[in-house]
Amino acid sequence: MNWFYVNSGLRYGPLSDTDFQTLVQQGTITATTLVWQPGMFNWMLFKDIAAASAPSQTQTDLTKFCCQCGRYFNPDDMLQYKNHWICYECKPLFFQRIREDADVGAMLGMGDVEFGGFWLRTVALAIDWTLLAISLIALDICYNLAFSKDGEVFNPYDMGGLFLPAMALACVYETFFVGRYAATPGKIACGLRVVVASGARVTTLRAFGRYWGKMLSFYTLMIGFFLAISDGQKRTLHDHLCETRVVRR
């Protein structure tokens, strides 16, 4: 039976069962490699058809693929962690990420975690905006005490006086809490946290960039926020831009 596969956008084949199996053993064909053979309706991931239609030796000996690198191995040459199989070459990185408190479900394709939904994230955002508003009111009072003359109340908004301080305060608020605690106070109250696609914590630099991505979501008539409704992983525009996810704790 002739086999074809795709690697780096190029199609290779036809291959005999023996040649196909050799490429699987070498790691050229992995779990996420697109493969096809005559009689198949469409190209499919190798992991989806390995048990049913891969070469016979592959079915019996190479039925497990590493959840990290995607290569197939004999189960005797792998380590099983819960429902996941890891090759010995990937084992150090796998357990290092666990030690770094990365969520295993998030690390493995975000398949075993619960994402923060649109309405829960809206509540968290409302809490954050309320806290920021209180801080700005306090800043406004201090501003008036400093600049009012002869009892006249100075309105800094007439000159845009608080615009830049407000932006700076919100930026520091978001960057500090997300970079340090993986969540703003509003998200903490709602049991949410921000992670990257691997499940690891967000760096301070990424948290800083995510704030400006959030501003882009805000100034596009809030459309960026509503993307979370239709996205399978509940991602907003700034999540897409910064490759982050909001998950339940």
Protein backbone atom coordinates (compact mmCIF):
# COMPACT_ATOMS: atom_id res chain seq x y z
CA MET A 1 0.00 0.00 0.00
CA ASN A 2 1.46 3.38 -1.00
CA TRP A 3 1.70 6.16 1.59
CA PHE A 4 2.13 9.90 1.20
CA TYR A 5 3.00 12.46 3.86
CA VAL A 6 3.52 16.23 4.19
CA ASN A 7 6.60 17.78 5.73
CA SER A 8 7.30 21.54 5.80
CA GLY A 9 4.56 22.11 3.26
CA LEU A 10 5.97 19.59 0.76
CA ARG A 11 4.37 16.29 -0.17
CA TYR A 12 6.45 13.10 -0.23
CA GLY A 13 5.63 9.64 -1.55
CA PRO A 14 4.63 7.14 -2.58
CA LEU A 15 6.19 5.02 0.15
CA SER A 16 5.91 1.32 0.88
CA ASP A 17 4.78 0.14 4.31
CA THR A 18 8.40 -0.66 5.19
CA ASP A 19 9.68 2.76 4.17
CA PHE A 20 6.78 4.45 5.94
CA GLN A 21 7.53 2.56 9.16
CA THR A 22 11.20 3.53 8.92
CA LEU A 23 10.30 7.21 8.77
CA VAL A 24 8.02 6.77 11.79
CA GLN A 25 10.87 5.17 13.75
CA GLN A 26 13.27 7.94 12.70
CA GLY A 27 10.83 10.61 13.85
CA THR A 28 10.34 12.10 10.40
CA ILE A 29 6.66 11.17 10.58
CA THR A 30 5.17 12.20 13.92
CA ALA A 31 1.75 12.19 15.51
CA THR A 32 0.84 15.50 13.87
CA THR A 33 2.13 14.67 10.38
CA LEU A 34 -0.52 14.72 7.65
CA VAL A 35 -0.63 11.39 5.83
CA TRP A 36 -2.72 9.92 3.03
CA GLN A 37 -3.06 6.73 1.03
CA PRO A 38 -5.37 5.73 -1.82
CA GLY A 39 -8.86 5.04 -0.53
CA MET A 40 -8.79 7.74 2.15
CA PHE A 41 -11.28 10.58 1.75
CA ASN A 42 -8.84 13.26 2.88
CA TRP A 43 -5.47 13.89 4.49
CA MET A 44 -5.43 13.04 8.21
CA LEU A 45 -3.10 13.35 11.18
CA PHE A 46 -1.08 10.18 11.60
CA LYS A 47 -2.14 9.87 15.25
CA ASP A 48 -5.79 9.70 14.17
CA ILE A 49 -5.31 6.72 11.88
CA ALA A 50 -2.29 4.94 13.34
CA ALA A 51 -4.27 2.33 15.25
CA ALA A 52 -6.61 1.56 12.39
CA SER A 53 -4.72 1.90 9.13
CA ALA A 54 -1.00 2.35 9.77
CA PRO A 55 1.43 -0.41 8.73
CA SER A 56 1.03 -3.59 10.70
CA GLN A 57 4.23 -3.32 12.75
CA THR A 58 3.35 0.24 13.63
CA GLN A 59 0.00 -0.94 14.94
CA THR A 60 1.55 -3.52 17.27
CA ASP A 61 4.87 -1.97 18.32
CA LEU A 62 4.64 1.81 17.89
CA THR A 63 1.21 2.58 19.22
CA LYS A 64 2.31 5.36 21.59
CA PHE A 65 3.47 8.82 20.63
CA CYS A 66 5.25 11.34 22.83
CA CYS A 67 2.90 14.12 23.88
CA GLN A 68 5.78 16.61 23.62
CA CYS A 69 7.68 15.91 20.40
CA GLY A 70 4.96 13.84 18.67
CA ARG A 71 7.30 11.00 17.71
CA TYR A 72 6.23 7.37 17.98
CA PHE A 73 8.05 5.00 20.30
CA ASN A 74 7.73 1.52 21.69
CA PRO A 75 5.89 1.86 25.02
CA ASP A 76 8.86 0.16 26.72
CA ASP A 77 10.97 3.17 25.75
CA MET A 78 8.58 5.72 27.23
CA LEU A 79 7.32 6.99 30.55
CA GLN A 80 3.62 7.27 31.31
CA TYR A 81 2.44 10.21 33.39
CA LYS A 82 -1.28 10.03 34.16
CA ASN A 83 -2.86 9.65 30.69
CA HIS A 84 0.14 10.98 28.78
CA TRP A 85 3.19 9.27 27.31
CA ILE A 86 6.59 10.97 27.26
CA CYS A 87 9.78 9.80 25.57
CA TYR A 88 12.95 9.82 27.67
CA GLU A 89 14.45 12.58 25.56
CA CYS A 90 11.55 14.91 26.43
CA LYS A 91 11.26 13.79 30.05
CA PRO A 92 13.58 16.45 31.60
CA LEU A 93 11.75 19.36 29.95
CA PHE A 94 8.34 17.84 30.73
CA PHE A 95 8.98 17.55 34.46
CA GLN A 96 10.81 20.86 34.61
CA ARG A 97 7.65 22.53 33.39
CA ILE A 98 5.65 20.68 36.04
CA ARG A 99 8.08 21.86 38.71
CA GLU A 100 7.59 25.39 37.45
CA ASP A 101 3.93 24.95 38.35
CA ALA A 102 2.79 24.78 34.72
CA ASP A 103 -0.65 23.26 34.34
CA VAL A 104 -0.22 19.83 32.71
CA GLY A 105 -3.52 20.05 30.91
CA ALA A 106 -2.65 23.46 29.50
CA MET A 107 0.82 22.28 28.60
CA LEU A 108 -0.61 19.42 26.59
CA GLY A 109 -2.59 21.42 24.07
CA MET A 110 -4.96 23.05 26.59
CA GLY A 111 -7.15 20.00 26.39
CA ASP A 112 -7.79 19.31 30.09
CA VAL A 113 -8.40 22.79 31.44
CA GLU A 114 -11.47 24.95 31.78
CA PHE A 115 -11.23 28.31 30.09
CA GLY A 116 -12.63 31.49 31.58
CA GLY A 117 -15.88 32.28 29.78
CA PHE A 118 -16.96 35.64 28.42
CA TRP A 119 -19.35 36.55 31.25
CA LEU A 120 -17.01 35.51 34.04
CA ARG A 121 -14.24 37.54 32.45
CA THR A 122 -16.66 40.46 32.14
CA VAL A 123 -17.29 40.34 35.89
CA ALA A 124 -13.55 40.24 36.53
CA LEU A 125 -13.05 43.22 34.22
CA ALA A 126 -15.83 45.15 35.99
CA ILE A 127 -14.11 44.56 39.34
CA ASP A 128 -10.80 45.77 37.96
CA TRP A 129 -12.37 48.86 36.43
CA THR A 130 -14.13 49.63 39.71
CA LEU A 131 -10.85 49.44 41.61
CA LEU A 132 -9.17 51.63 39.01
CA ALA A 133 -12.04 54.13 39.14
CA ILE A 134 -11.69 54.41 42.92
CA SER A 135 -7.96 54.98 42.49
CA LEU A 136 -8.60 57.66 39.88
CA ILE A 137 -11.12 59.42 42.11
CA ALA A 138 -8.48 59.53 44.83
CA LEU A 139 -5.99 60.84 42.26
CA ASP A 140 -8.54 63.44 41.15
CA ILE A 141 -9.00 64.64 44.73
CA CYS A 142 -5.25 64.98 45.17
CA TYR A 143 -5.04 66.80 41.85
CA ASN A 144 -7.69 69.30 42.96
CA LEU A 145 -6.02 69.89 46.30
CA ALA A 146 -2.78 70.62 44.51
CA PHE A 147 -4.09 72.89 41.73
CA SER A 148 -7.30 74.54 42.97
CA LYS A 149 -7.13 78.30 43.56
CA ASP A 150 -9.15 80.39 46.03
CA GLY A 151 -11.50 77.51 46.75
CA GLU A 152 -12.25 76.98 43.06
CA VAL A 153 -12.30 73.33 42.11
CA PHE A 154 -9.95 72.61 39.25
CA ASN A 155 -11.24 70.09 36.75
CA PRO A 156 -8.20 68.37 35.24
CA TYR A 157 -10.35 66.65 32.63
CA ASP A 158 -10.86 70.03 30.92
CA MET A 159 -7.21 69.90 29.93
CA GLY A 160 -6.85 66.16 29.73
CA GLY A 161 -4.73 66.39 32.83
CA LEU A 162 -5.60 62.92 34.14
CA PHE A 163 -5.61 61.09 30.84
CA LEU A 164 -1.96 60.13 30.85
CA PRO A 165 -1.87 59.39 34.61
CA ALA A 166 -4.96 57.21 34.18
CA MET A 167 -3.36 55.28 31.32
CA ALA A 168 -0.15 54.91 33.30
CA LEU A 169 -2.02 53.70 36.39
CA ALA A 170 -4.00 51.12 34.39
CA CYS A 171 -0.84 49.94 32.63
CA VAL A 172 1.08 49.52 35.88
CA TYR A 173 -1.94 47.81 37.49
CA GLU A 174 -2.27 45.26 34.68
CA THR A 175 1.44 44.68 34.18
CA PHE A 176 2.25 44.27 37.86
CA PHE A 177 -0.57 41.93 38.83
CA VAL A 178 -0.54 39.74 35.70
CA GLY A 179 3.26 39.60 35.59
CA ARG A 180 3.59 38.91 39.34
CA TYR A 181 0.46 36.92 40.23
CA ALA A 182 -0.78 35.75 36.79
CA ALA A 183 -4.05 37.59 37.44
CA THR A 184 -5.46 41.00 38.29
CA PRO A 185 -7.47 41.37 41.52
CA GLY A 186 -10.67 41.02 39.50
CA LYS A 187 -9.49 37.75 37.96
CA ILE A 188 -8.29 36.48 41.34
CA ALA A 189 -11.75 37.20 42.78
CA CYS A 190 -13.32 35.22 39.92
CA GLY A 191 -10.92 32.31 40.15
CA LEU A 192 -9.11 33.05 36.89
CA ARG A 193 -5.49 33.28 35.86
CA VAL A 194 -3.59 34.22 32.70
CA VAL A 195 -1.17 31.73 31.15
CA VAL A 196 0.66 31.38 27.86
CA ALA A 197 -0.16 28.58 25.41
CA SER A 198 2.30 26.21 27.12
CA GLY A 199 0.56 26.68 30.47
CA ALA A 200 3.47 28.63 31.97
CA ARG A 201 3.16 31.96 33.75
CA VAL A 202 3.06 35.23 31.85
CA THR A 203 6.25 37.29 31.97
CA THR A 204 6.17 40.93 32.99
CA LEU A 205 7.09 41.99 29.45
CA ARG A 206 4.26 39.94 27.96
CA ALA A 207 1.86 41.33 30.59
CA PHE A 208 2.91 44.84 29.53
CA GLY A 209 2.22 44.05 25.87
CA ARG A 210 -1.07 42.39 26.78
CA TYR A 211 -2.30 45.59 28.39
CA TRP A 212 -1.82 47.51 25.15
CA GLY A 213 -3.50 44.68 23.28
CA LYS A 214 -6.43 45.09 25.66
CA MET A 215 -6.54 48.79 24.84
CA LEU A 216 -6.77 47.83 21.18
CA SER A 217 -9.69 45.54 22.03
CA PHE A 218 -11.32 48.41 23.91
CA TYR A 219 -10.88 51.04 21.22
CA THR A 220 -12.26 48.80 18.46
CA LEU A 221 -15.78 49.25 19.85
CA MET A 222 -15.16 46.37 22.27
CA ILE A 223 -15.20 43.91 19.37
CA GLY A 224 -11.90 42.46 20.57
CA PHE A 225 -13.56 41.37 23.82
CA PHE A 226 -16.53 39.75 22.10
CA LEU A 227 -14.24 37.41 20.18
CA ALA A 228 -14.22 35.29 23.34
CA ILE A 229 -17.84 34.30 22.73
CA SER A 230 -17.13 32.42 19.52
CA ASP A 231 -13.54 31.29 20.18
CA GLY A 232 -13.13 27.69 21.28
CA GLN A 233 -10.56 28.67 23.91
CA LYS A 234 -12.42 31.85 24.92
CA ARG A 235 -9.64 34.09 23.60
CA THR A 236 -10.08 37.80 23.11
CA LEU A 237 -8.16 39.89 20.60
CA HIS A 238 -5.39 40.62 23.10
CA ASP A 239 -5.15 36.92 23.92
CA HIS A 240 -4.61 36.18 20.24
CA LEU A 241 -2.03 38.94 19.91
CA CYS A 242 -0.05 37.86 22.97
CA GLU A 243 -0.68 34.10 22.73
CA THR A 244 -2.27 33.93 26.17
CA ARG A 245 -5.21 32.06 27.65
CA VAL A 246 -7.42 32.81 30.65
CA VAL A 247 -8.16 29.62 32.57
CA ARG A 248 -9.97 28.65 35.74
CA ARG A 249 -7.76 28.14 38.79
